[in-house]
Every structure is written in C-alpha cells, then in structure tokens.
N, C-alpha and C. Protein backbone atom coordinates (compact mmCIF):
# COMPACT_ATOMS: atom_id res chain seq x y z
N MET A 1 118.65 74.45 99.41
CA MET A 1 118.04 75.35 100.37
C MET A 1 116.87 74.66 101.05
N ALA A 2 116.65 75.01 102.26
CA ALA A 2 115.59 74.39 103.04
C ALA A 2 114.22 74.93 102.63
N ASP A 3 113.18 74.15 102.96
CA ASP A 3 111.82 74.64 102.76
C ASP A 3 111.63 75.85 103.67
N ASN A 4 110.83 76.77 103.22
CA ASN A 4 110.62 77.99 103.98
C ASN A 4 109.41 77.84 104.90
N PRO A 5 109.64 77.75 106.21
CA PRO A 5 108.53 77.61 107.15
C PRO A 5 107.92 78.96 107.54
N ARG A 6 108.40 80.03 106.93
CA ARG A 6 108.02 81.37 107.36
C ARG A 6 106.74 81.86 106.69
N THR A 7 106.09 82.79 107.37
CA THR A 7 104.87 83.39 106.84
C THR A 7 105.19 84.75 106.24
N PHE A 8 104.23 85.31 105.56
CA PHE A 8 104.35 86.65 104.99
C PHE A 8 104.71 87.66 106.08
N VAL A 9 104.06 87.58 107.22
CA VAL A 9 104.32 88.50 108.34
C VAL A 9 105.74 88.31 108.87
N ASP A 10 106.21 87.07 108.96
CA ASP A 10 107.59 86.82 109.39
C ASP A 10 108.57 87.53 108.46
N VAL A 11 108.32 87.41 107.18
CA VAL A 11 109.23 88.00 106.19
C VAL A 11 109.17 89.52 106.26
N GLN A 12 107.99 90.08 106.42
CA GLN A 12 107.87 91.53 106.58
C GLN A 12 108.69 92.00 107.77
N ARG A 13 108.63 91.28 108.86
CA ARG A 13 109.41 91.64 110.06
C ARG A 13 110.91 91.57 109.78
N THR A 14 111.31 90.55 109.03
CA THR A 14 112.72 90.42 108.68
C THR A 14 113.19 91.62 107.88
N VAL A 15 112.44 91.97 106.86
CA VAL A 15 112.81 93.12 106.01
C VAL A 15 112.78 94.40 106.83
N HIS A 16 111.79 94.56 107.68
CA HIS A 16 111.71 95.76 108.52
C HIS A 16 112.93 95.85 109.44
N SER A 17 113.35 94.73 110.01
CA SER A 17 114.53 94.76 110.89
C SER A 17 115.80 95.09 110.11
N LEU A 18 115.87 94.64 108.86
CA LEU A 18 117.01 94.99 108.02
C LEU A 18 117.11 96.50 107.83
N HIS A 19 115.99 97.14 107.62
CA HIS A 19 116.00 98.59 107.37
C HIS A 19 116.31 99.42 108.62
N LYS A 20 116.33 98.79 109.77
CA LYS A 20 116.71 99.48 111.00
C LYS A 20 118.22 99.50 111.21
N ILE A 21 118.94 98.65 110.47
CA ILE A 21 120.38 98.54 110.63
C ILE A 21 121.07 99.69 109.91
N SER A 22 122.03 100.32 110.56
CA SER A 22 122.72 101.43 109.91
C SER A 22 124.19 101.14 109.63
N ALA A 23 124.81 100.23 110.35
CA ALA A 23 126.23 99.94 110.16
C ALA A 23 126.38 98.85 109.09
N ILE A 24 127.26 99.07 108.14
CA ILE A 24 127.42 98.14 107.03
C ILE A 24 127.86 96.77 107.51
N LYS A 25 128.71 96.69 108.52
CA LYS A 25 129.15 95.36 108.99
C LYS A 25 127.97 94.59 109.57
N ASP A 26 127.03 95.28 110.20
CA ASP A 26 125.83 94.63 110.72
C ASP A 26 124.90 94.21 109.59
N THR A 27 124.83 95.01 108.56
CA THR A 27 124.01 94.66 107.39
C THR A 27 124.56 93.40 106.73
N LEU A 28 125.88 93.34 106.54
CA LEU A 28 126.48 92.16 105.92
C LEU A 28 126.29 90.92 106.77
N SER A 29 126.40 91.08 108.07
CA SER A 29 126.15 89.96 108.97
C SER A 29 124.70 89.49 108.85
N PHE A 30 123.80 90.43 108.74
CA PHE A 30 122.38 90.11 108.57
C PHE A 30 122.17 89.26 107.31
N TYR A 31 122.74 89.70 106.19
CA TYR A 31 122.60 88.94 104.94
C TYR A 31 123.27 87.57 105.03
N ASP A 32 124.38 87.49 105.74
CA ASP A 32 125.05 86.20 105.90
C ASP A 32 124.22 85.21 106.71
N THR A 33 123.29 85.70 107.50
CA THR A 33 122.39 84.79 108.23
C THR A 33 121.07 84.59 107.49
N TRP A 34 120.69 85.50 106.62
CA TRP A 34 119.40 85.43 105.90
C TRP A 34 119.50 84.58 104.63
N TYR A 35 120.72 84.32 104.17
CA TYR A 35 120.94 83.70 102.87
C TYR A 35 120.10 82.45 102.61
N GLU A 36 119.88 81.64 103.63
CA GLU A 36 119.21 80.36 103.43
C GLU A 36 117.76 80.52 102.97
N PHE A 37 117.08 81.53 103.48
CA PHE A 37 115.67 81.75 103.12
C PHE A 37 115.45 82.97 102.24
N TYR A 38 116.52 83.65 101.87
CA TYR A 38 116.41 84.92 101.14
C TYR A 38 115.52 84.82 99.91
N GLU A 39 115.82 83.91 99.01
CA GLU A 39 115.04 83.84 97.76
C GLU A 39 113.60 83.41 98.01
N GLN A 40 113.39 82.46 98.92
CA GLN A 40 112.03 82.04 99.24
C GLN A 40 111.24 83.19 99.87
N ASP A 41 111.93 83.95 100.73
CA ASP A 41 111.27 85.09 101.36
C ASP A 41 110.86 86.14 100.32
N LEU A 42 111.74 86.42 99.39
CA LEU A 42 111.41 87.41 98.36
C LEU A 42 110.27 86.92 97.47
N LYS A 43 110.26 85.63 97.21
CA LYS A 43 109.16 85.06 96.42
C LYS A 43 107.84 85.22 97.18
N LEU A 44 107.87 84.97 98.48
CA LEU A 44 106.68 85.12 99.32
C LEU A 44 106.17 86.57 99.29
N LEU A 45 107.10 87.52 99.22
CA LEU A 45 106.72 88.94 99.15
C LEU A 45 106.33 89.39 97.74
N ASP A 46 106.48 88.50 96.76
CA ASP A 46 106.24 88.82 95.36
C ASP A 46 107.12 90.00 94.92
N TYR A 47 108.39 89.93 95.30
CA TYR A 47 109.38 90.96 95.01
C TYR A 47 109.68 90.97 93.52
N GLN A 48 109.39 92.06 92.84
CA GLN A 48 109.49 92.14 91.39
C GLN A 48 110.66 92.96 90.88
N ALA A 49 111.44 93.58 91.77
CA ALA A 49 112.50 94.49 91.34
C ALA A 49 113.51 93.85 90.38
N PRO A 50 114.00 92.64 90.61
CA PRO A 50 114.94 92.06 89.65
C PRO A 50 114.35 91.89 88.25
N ARG A 51 113.12 91.44 88.18
CA ARG A 51 112.45 91.27 86.88
C ARG A 51 112.22 92.62 86.20
N LEU A 52 111.75 93.60 86.95
CA LEU A 52 111.47 94.92 86.37
C LEU A 52 112.74 95.63 85.91
N ALA A 53 113.80 95.54 86.72
CA ALA A 53 115.07 96.17 86.33
C ALA A 53 115.63 95.50 85.08
N SER A 54 115.54 94.19 85.02
CA SER A 54 116.04 93.45 83.85
C SER A 54 115.26 93.80 82.60
N MET A 55 113.95 93.88 82.73
CA MET A 55 113.13 94.25 81.58
C MET A 55 113.45 95.68 81.12
N SER A 56 113.71 96.56 82.07
CA SER A 56 114.05 97.94 81.70
C SER A 56 115.36 98.00 80.93
N LEU A 57 116.35 97.25 81.38
CA LEU A 57 117.62 97.22 80.65
C LEU A 57 117.42 96.60 79.27
N ALA A 58 116.68 95.53 79.20
CA ALA A 58 116.42 94.89 77.90
C ALA A 58 115.70 95.84 76.95
N ASP A 59 114.82 96.67 77.47
CA ASP A 59 114.11 97.64 76.63
C ASP A 59 115.04 98.64 75.98
N VAL A 60 116.11 99.03 76.69
CA VAL A 60 117.03 100.03 76.12
C VAL A 60 118.23 99.39 75.44
N MET A 61 118.35 98.08 75.52
CA MET A 61 119.44 97.35 74.85
C MET A 61 118.83 96.24 73.99
N PRO A 62 118.15 96.63 72.91
CA PRO A 62 117.47 95.61 72.12
C PRO A 62 118.40 94.73 71.30
N GLU A 63 119.63 95.19 71.08
CA GLU A 63 120.56 94.44 70.23
C GLU A 63 121.83 94.10 70.99
N ASP A 64 122.51 93.08 70.52
CA ASP A 64 123.82 92.67 71.04
C ASP A 64 123.82 92.40 72.55
N ARG A 65 122.71 91.93 73.07
CA ARG A 65 122.65 91.63 74.50
C ARG A 65 123.68 90.57 74.88
N ASP A 66 123.90 89.63 73.99
CA ASP A 66 124.83 88.54 74.30
C ASP A 66 126.27 89.02 74.38
N GLN A 67 126.54 90.22 73.86
CA GLN A 67 127.89 90.78 73.90
C GLN A 67 128.09 91.80 75.02
N ALA A 68 127.01 92.28 75.60
CA ALA A 68 127.08 93.33 76.62
C ALA A 68 127.65 92.78 77.93
N LEU A 69 128.61 93.49 78.49
CA LEU A 69 129.18 93.13 79.79
C LEU A 69 128.43 93.93 80.86
N ILE A 70 127.79 93.21 81.77
CA ILE A 70 126.94 93.81 82.78
C ILE A 70 127.58 93.66 84.15
N LEU A 71 127.62 94.76 84.91
CA LEU A 71 128.06 94.71 86.30
C LEU A 71 126.82 94.71 87.18
N ASP A 72 126.70 93.68 87.99
CA ASP A 72 125.59 93.53 88.93
C ASP A 72 126.13 93.86 90.31
N VAL A 73 125.83 95.07 90.77
CA VAL A 73 126.34 95.58 92.05
C VAL A 73 125.37 95.17 93.16
N ALA A 74 125.92 94.68 94.26
CA ALA A 74 125.11 94.12 95.35
C ALA A 74 124.27 92.97 94.77
N CYS A 75 124.96 92.07 94.10
CA CYS A 75 124.31 91.02 93.32
C CYS A 75 123.59 89.98 94.16
N GLY A 76 123.91 89.90 95.44
CA GLY A 76 123.22 88.94 96.29
C GLY A 76 123.32 87.53 95.76
N THR A 77 122.20 86.85 95.63
CA THR A 77 122.16 85.47 95.18
C THR A 77 122.08 85.32 93.67
N GLY A 78 122.09 86.44 92.96
CA GLY A 78 122.09 86.38 91.49
C GLY A 78 120.73 86.49 90.84
N LEU A 79 119.75 86.99 91.54
CA LEU A 79 118.40 87.09 90.98
C LEU A 79 118.34 87.96 89.73
N VAL A 80 119.07 89.08 89.73
CA VAL A 80 119.06 89.98 88.58
C VAL A 80 119.72 89.31 87.37
N ALA A 81 120.87 88.71 87.58
CA ALA A 81 121.58 88.06 86.47
C ALA A 81 120.75 86.92 85.88
N MET A 82 120.04 86.19 86.70
CA MET A 82 119.19 85.12 86.20
C MET A 82 118.07 85.69 85.32
N GLN A 83 117.49 86.80 85.74
CA GLN A 83 116.45 87.44 84.92
C GLN A 83 117.04 87.95 83.60
N LEU A 84 118.22 88.58 83.69
CA LEU A 84 118.87 89.10 82.48
C LEU A 84 119.23 87.96 81.52
N GLN A 85 119.67 86.87 82.07
CA GLN A 85 120.02 85.72 81.23
C GLN A 85 118.79 85.24 80.45
N ASN A 86 117.64 85.25 81.08
CA ASN A 86 116.40 84.86 80.40
C ASN A 86 116.06 85.80 79.25
N LEU A 87 116.62 87.00 79.28
CA LEU A 87 116.35 88.00 78.24
C LEU A 87 117.47 88.09 77.21
N GLY A 88 118.42 87.17 77.25
CA GLY A 88 119.47 87.11 76.23
C GLY A 88 120.81 87.69 76.61
N PHE A 89 120.95 88.20 77.82
CA PHE A 89 122.25 88.70 78.27
C PHE A 89 123.08 87.51 78.73
N CYS A 90 124.40 87.59 78.55
CA CYS A 90 125.24 86.43 78.84
C CYS A 90 126.48 86.71 79.69
N LYS A 91 126.90 87.96 79.77
CA LYS A 91 128.18 88.29 80.42
C LYS A 91 127.93 89.12 81.67
N PHE A 92 128.27 88.52 82.83
CA PHE A 92 127.99 89.18 84.10
C PHE A 92 129.19 89.15 85.03
N HIS A 93 129.43 90.28 85.67
CA HIS A 93 130.35 90.36 86.78
C HIS A 93 129.50 90.79 87.98
N GLY A 94 129.78 90.23 89.15
CA GLY A 94 129.00 90.56 90.32
C GLY A 94 129.87 90.98 91.49
N LEU A 95 129.35 91.91 92.27
CA LEU A 95 129.98 92.37 93.51
C LEU A 95 128.96 92.26 94.63
N ASP A 96 129.40 91.79 95.78
CA ASP A 96 128.55 91.78 96.95
C ASP A 96 129.43 91.65 98.19
N GLY A 97 128.94 92.13 99.32
CA GLY A 97 129.70 92.07 100.55
C GLY A 97 129.42 90.83 101.39
N SER A 98 128.40 90.06 101.03
CA SER A 98 128.02 88.89 101.81
C SER A 98 128.60 87.62 101.19
N GLU A 99 129.45 86.96 101.93
CA GLU A 99 130.07 85.72 101.47
C GLU A 99 129.03 84.65 101.18
N ARG A 100 128.04 84.53 102.05
CA ARG A 100 127.01 83.49 101.88
C ARG A 100 126.16 83.75 100.63
N MET A 101 125.81 85.01 100.40
CA MET A 101 125.02 85.33 99.20
C MET A 101 125.84 85.03 97.94
N LEU A 102 127.11 85.37 97.97
CA LEU A 102 127.98 85.09 96.82
C LEU A 102 128.10 83.59 96.55
N GLN A 103 128.10 82.79 97.60
CA GLN A 103 128.16 81.33 97.42
C GLN A 103 126.95 80.83 96.65
N ILE A 104 125.79 81.38 96.95
CA ILE A 104 124.58 80.98 96.22
C ILE A 104 124.66 81.47 94.78
N ALA A 105 125.09 82.71 94.59
CA ALA A 105 125.24 83.24 93.22
C ALA A 105 126.21 82.38 92.42
N GLN A 106 127.31 81.99 93.04
CA GLN A 106 128.32 81.15 92.37
C GLN A 106 127.72 79.81 91.94
N SER A 107 126.86 79.26 92.76
CA SER A 107 126.28 77.95 92.46
C SER A 107 125.38 77.97 91.22
N LYS A 108 124.95 79.15 90.80
CA LYS A 108 124.08 79.28 89.64
C LYS A 108 124.85 79.29 88.32
N SER A 109 126.17 79.44 88.39
CA SER A 109 127.03 79.40 87.19
C SER A 109 126.60 80.40 86.12
N VAL A 110 126.23 81.58 86.53
CA VAL A 110 125.82 82.63 85.60
C VAL A 110 126.91 83.68 85.42
N TYR A 111 127.64 83.96 86.48
CA TYR A 111 128.63 85.03 86.48
C TYR A 111 129.98 84.54 85.98
N GLN A 112 130.66 85.39 85.22
CA GLN A 112 132.04 85.10 84.83
C GLN A 112 132.98 85.43 85.98
N THR A 113 132.65 86.48 86.74
CA THR A 113 133.42 86.80 87.94
C THR A 113 132.47 87.24 89.05
N LEU A 114 132.81 86.85 90.25
CA LEU A 114 132.12 87.29 91.45
C LEU A 114 133.18 87.74 92.43
N GLN A 115 132.93 88.86 93.08
CA GLN A 115 133.93 89.39 93.99
C GLN A 115 133.27 89.86 95.27
N LYS A 116 133.85 89.41 96.39
CA LYS A 116 133.39 89.93 97.67
C LYS A 116 134.00 91.31 97.85
N TYR A 117 133.14 92.26 98.09
CA TYR A 117 133.60 93.64 98.20
C TYR A 117 132.56 94.43 98.99
N ILE A 118 133.01 95.18 99.97
CA ILE A 118 132.10 96.04 100.72
C ILE A 118 131.90 97.31 99.90
N ILE A 119 130.77 97.37 99.26
CA ILE A 119 130.48 98.41 98.29
C ILE A 119 130.27 99.75 98.99
N GLY A 120 131.02 100.74 98.55
CA GLY A 120 130.89 102.07 99.10
C GLY A 120 131.97 102.43 100.10
N ALA A 121 132.69 101.44 100.59
CA ALA A 121 133.74 101.71 101.57
C ALA A 121 134.94 102.39 100.92
N GLU A 122 135.24 102.00 99.69
CA GLU A 122 136.36 102.55 98.92
C GLU A 122 135.96 102.56 97.45
N PRO A 123 136.77 103.18 96.60
CA PRO A 123 136.45 103.11 95.17
C PRO A 123 136.34 101.66 94.71
N LEU A 124 135.50 101.44 93.72
CA LEU A 124 135.33 100.08 93.19
C LEU A 124 136.66 99.55 92.67
N PRO A 125 136.96 98.28 92.91
CA PRO A 125 138.22 97.69 92.46
C PRO A 125 138.13 97.26 90.99
N LEU A 126 137.62 98.17 90.17
CA LEU A 126 137.35 97.86 88.76
C LEU A 126 137.90 98.97 87.88
N SER A 127 138.26 98.61 86.66
CA SER A 127 138.78 99.59 85.72
C SER A 127 137.67 100.51 85.22
N SER A 128 138.04 101.73 84.92
CA SER A 128 137.11 102.70 84.35
C SER A 128 136.67 102.26 82.97
N ASP A 129 135.48 102.70 82.57
CA ASP A 129 134.98 102.52 81.21
C ASP A 129 134.96 101.05 80.77
N THR A 130 134.53 100.16 81.64
CA THR A 130 134.57 98.72 81.38
C THR A 130 133.23 98.12 81.00
N TYR A 131 132.16 98.55 81.64
CA TYR A 131 130.88 97.86 81.54
C TYR A 131 129.91 98.58 80.59
N ASP A 132 129.17 97.77 79.86
CA ASP A 132 128.13 98.31 78.97
C ASP A 132 126.94 98.82 79.77
N ALA A 133 126.68 98.18 80.90
CA ALA A 133 125.61 98.61 81.79
C ALA A 133 125.95 98.17 83.21
N VAL A 134 125.49 98.96 84.17
CA VAL A 134 125.69 98.66 85.58
C VAL A 134 124.32 98.73 86.24
N LEU A 135 124.01 97.68 87.00
CA LEU A 135 122.74 97.65 87.72
C LEU A 135 122.98 97.48 89.20
N ILE A 136 122.16 98.17 89.98
CA ILE A 136 122.11 97.95 91.42
C ILE A 136 120.63 97.95 91.76
N VAL A 137 120.14 96.80 92.20
CA VAL A 137 118.71 96.61 92.39
C VAL A 137 118.41 96.33 93.86
N GLY A 138 117.66 97.21 94.48
CA GLY A 138 117.19 96.99 95.83
C GLY A 138 118.17 97.28 96.95
N ALA A 139 119.34 97.79 96.64
CA ALA A 139 120.34 97.97 97.69
C ALA A 139 120.85 99.39 97.83
N LEU A 140 120.39 100.30 97.02
CA LEU A 140 120.90 101.66 97.05
C LEU A 140 120.18 102.46 98.13
N SER A 141 120.68 102.33 99.36
CA SER A 141 120.09 103.06 100.48
C SER A 141 121.10 103.07 101.62
N GLU A 142 120.99 104.04 102.48
CA GLU A 142 121.89 104.12 103.61
C GLU A 142 121.69 102.88 104.49
N GLY A 143 122.79 102.36 105.00
CA GLY A 143 122.75 101.12 105.76
C GLY A 143 123.02 99.92 104.87
N GLN A 144 122.88 100.10 103.57
CA GLN A 144 123.22 99.04 102.62
C GLN A 144 124.31 99.61 101.72
N VAL A 145 123.97 100.03 100.53
CA VAL A 145 124.95 100.65 99.64
C VAL A 145 124.66 102.15 99.63
N PRO A 146 125.61 102.96 100.09
CA PRO A 146 125.36 104.41 100.15
C PRO A 146 125.24 105.03 98.76
N CYS A 147 124.43 106.04 98.68
CA CYS A 147 124.18 106.72 97.41
C CYS A 147 125.45 107.34 96.82
N THR A 148 126.47 107.52 97.63
CA THR A 148 127.73 108.08 97.13
C THR A 148 128.41 107.16 96.11
N ILE A 149 127.96 105.92 96.00
CA ILE A 149 128.56 104.97 95.06
C ILE A 149 128.21 105.31 93.61
N VAL A 150 127.22 106.13 93.39
CA VAL A 150 126.77 106.43 92.02
C VAL A 150 127.91 106.98 91.16
N THR A 151 128.77 107.80 91.71
CA THR A 151 129.92 108.32 90.96
C THR A 151 130.82 107.18 90.49
N GLU A 152 131.03 106.21 91.34
CA GLU A 152 131.85 105.05 90.98
C GLU A 152 131.17 104.19 89.92
N LEU A 153 129.87 104.04 90.02
CA LEU A 153 129.14 103.27 89.02
C LEU A 153 129.26 103.94 87.65
N HIS A 154 129.19 105.24 87.65
CA HIS A 154 129.37 106.02 86.43
C HIS A 154 130.77 105.82 85.86
N ARG A 155 131.77 105.82 86.73
CA ARG A 155 133.16 105.70 86.30
C ARG A 155 133.43 104.37 85.59
N VAL A 156 132.85 103.28 86.06
CA VAL A 156 133.16 101.97 85.48
C VAL A 156 132.30 101.64 84.25
N THR A 157 131.31 102.50 83.96
CA THR A 157 130.47 102.30 82.78
C THR A 157 131.14 102.95 81.58
N LYS A 158 131.07 102.26 80.45
CA LYS A 158 131.66 102.81 79.22
C LYS A 158 131.03 104.16 78.91
N PRO A 159 131.84 105.12 78.46
CA PRO A 159 131.30 106.44 78.15
C PRO A 159 130.47 106.41 76.87
N ASP A 160 129.55 107.35 76.81
CA ASP A 160 128.76 107.59 75.60
C ASP A 160 127.96 106.39 75.14
N LYS A 161 127.50 105.58 76.07
CA LYS A 161 126.61 104.48 75.71
C LYS A 161 125.21 105.08 75.55
N VAL A 162 124.66 104.99 74.36
CA VAL A 162 123.33 105.53 74.10
C VAL A 162 122.50 104.44 73.44
N TYR A 163 121.34 104.18 74.01
CA TYR A 163 120.43 103.19 73.47
C TYR A 163 119.10 103.85 73.15
N PRO A 164 118.50 103.51 72.03
CA PRO A 164 117.22 104.13 71.68
C PRO A 164 116.10 103.65 72.60
N ASP A 165 115.20 104.56 72.92
CA ASP A 165 114.02 104.13 73.67
C ASP A 165 112.89 103.88 72.67
N ASP A 166 111.72 103.58 73.17
CA ASP A 166 110.61 103.23 72.28
C ASP A 166 110.06 104.41 71.48
N LYS A 167 110.49 105.63 71.79
CA LYS A 167 110.05 106.80 71.05
C LYS A 167 111.09 107.28 70.05
N GLY A 168 112.22 106.55 69.96
CA GLY A 168 113.26 106.93 69.03
C GLY A 168 114.28 107.90 69.59
N TYR A 169 114.13 108.25 70.86
CA TYR A 169 115.11 109.13 71.48
C TYR A 169 116.27 108.30 72.01
N GLY A 170 117.40 108.90 72.13
CA GLY A 170 118.54 108.19 72.71
C GLY A 170 118.52 108.30 74.21
N LEU A 171 118.80 107.21 74.88
CA LEU A 171 118.88 107.19 76.33
C LEU A 171 120.34 107.06 76.71
N PRO A 172 120.99 108.14 77.18
CA PRO A 172 122.39 108.04 77.55
C PRO A 172 122.54 107.27 78.87
N LEU A 173 123.36 106.24 78.86
CA LEU A 173 123.60 105.49 80.08
C LEU A 173 124.84 106.00 80.80
N ASN A 174 125.71 106.68 80.07
CA ASN A 174 126.89 107.27 80.69
C ASN A 174 127.42 108.31 79.71
N ASN A 175 127.03 109.52 79.87
CA ASN A 175 127.46 110.59 78.99
C ASN A 175 128.40 111.50 79.73
N GLN A 176 129.69 111.41 79.41
CA GLN A 176 130.66 112.19 80.18
C GLN A 176 130.82 113.58 79.65
C-alpha cells in the first residue's frame, strides 16, 4: 500500500461523502476506489470499532476461542479478524461486496473463506446454524448494509449459544 499523503480533514471528508451515498452499487464502487488508503485513513481517525468489537466478543467467549467459527460480515480488509486473531480466535469466514477490499483481506491469510457478496440484496448464501458468532462492525446502516440483514445474521448463527458475562449471567447470542 502506498504512503498516505492525506490529512485528518481529507479523511473526514471522505467518510462524510461515503455517508451521503444511498445506492449500494455506488457504495461498493466507493470502497473499490478507497481500498488503497482505507486502513491508513482509519488509523489517522483513530478508528477503534474493530478492536472494541473484538474485545467484546472475547469477553463473552472466554474459552475455546480457537475452535469458534466466526462470520465477519462486511469484512472489508480484515481489520476485525486481525484483532480477533490477536485474542486467540482462529477460524474466520468473511463476506464483503468490494472486490478490492477482499483482495487486501485475502493477502492477510487470516480467513479460511472469503466471499464477494452484496450483503442485504438476498438471503445470505450460507447454511443456517453454522457460526458460533457473527460480527458486523461499522457497516450496519442504510446505504451500506441494511438493518434488515439482522434476521439473516440470526439465522446463520448456531442456536442457543450462551456465554457467561462478568456477572455470571448468561448472554444469549442466538436464542430461538
């Protein structure tokens, strides 16, 4: 990837312009052109969502992380999977609509499978009750991944997954 010649204000403008897009094909085109500076731009913004989401999952899955199959929806360049890997998770499947972002994710050799898929256009091309956990970080909004996808995310998550929280209560991740 090239050095990032952009400033904080440049990156803010980029993100602001992304949020003005409403058509998914335009959003995917945007990401296919942003891919080269995407990670550097997020670093410049001190974007913490991948780290925070990963830590949250690790908090509710204290055991058998290396056996858990994780679906990373709108995986982009693989920032979430990289954070999860640092916390002991090992098995990742990723979905994203941007070919360029998937190429970067593929280059990291973290995912067992990566699939180009326009998320939300149709039901997920995945079997029901497959994943121990499903994450979607930073993309659940109109113009990106529509909120209607939540039903599909629920469908592909294994039923009755309950992990204890720090107070001893069970946290249901998919209770049918």
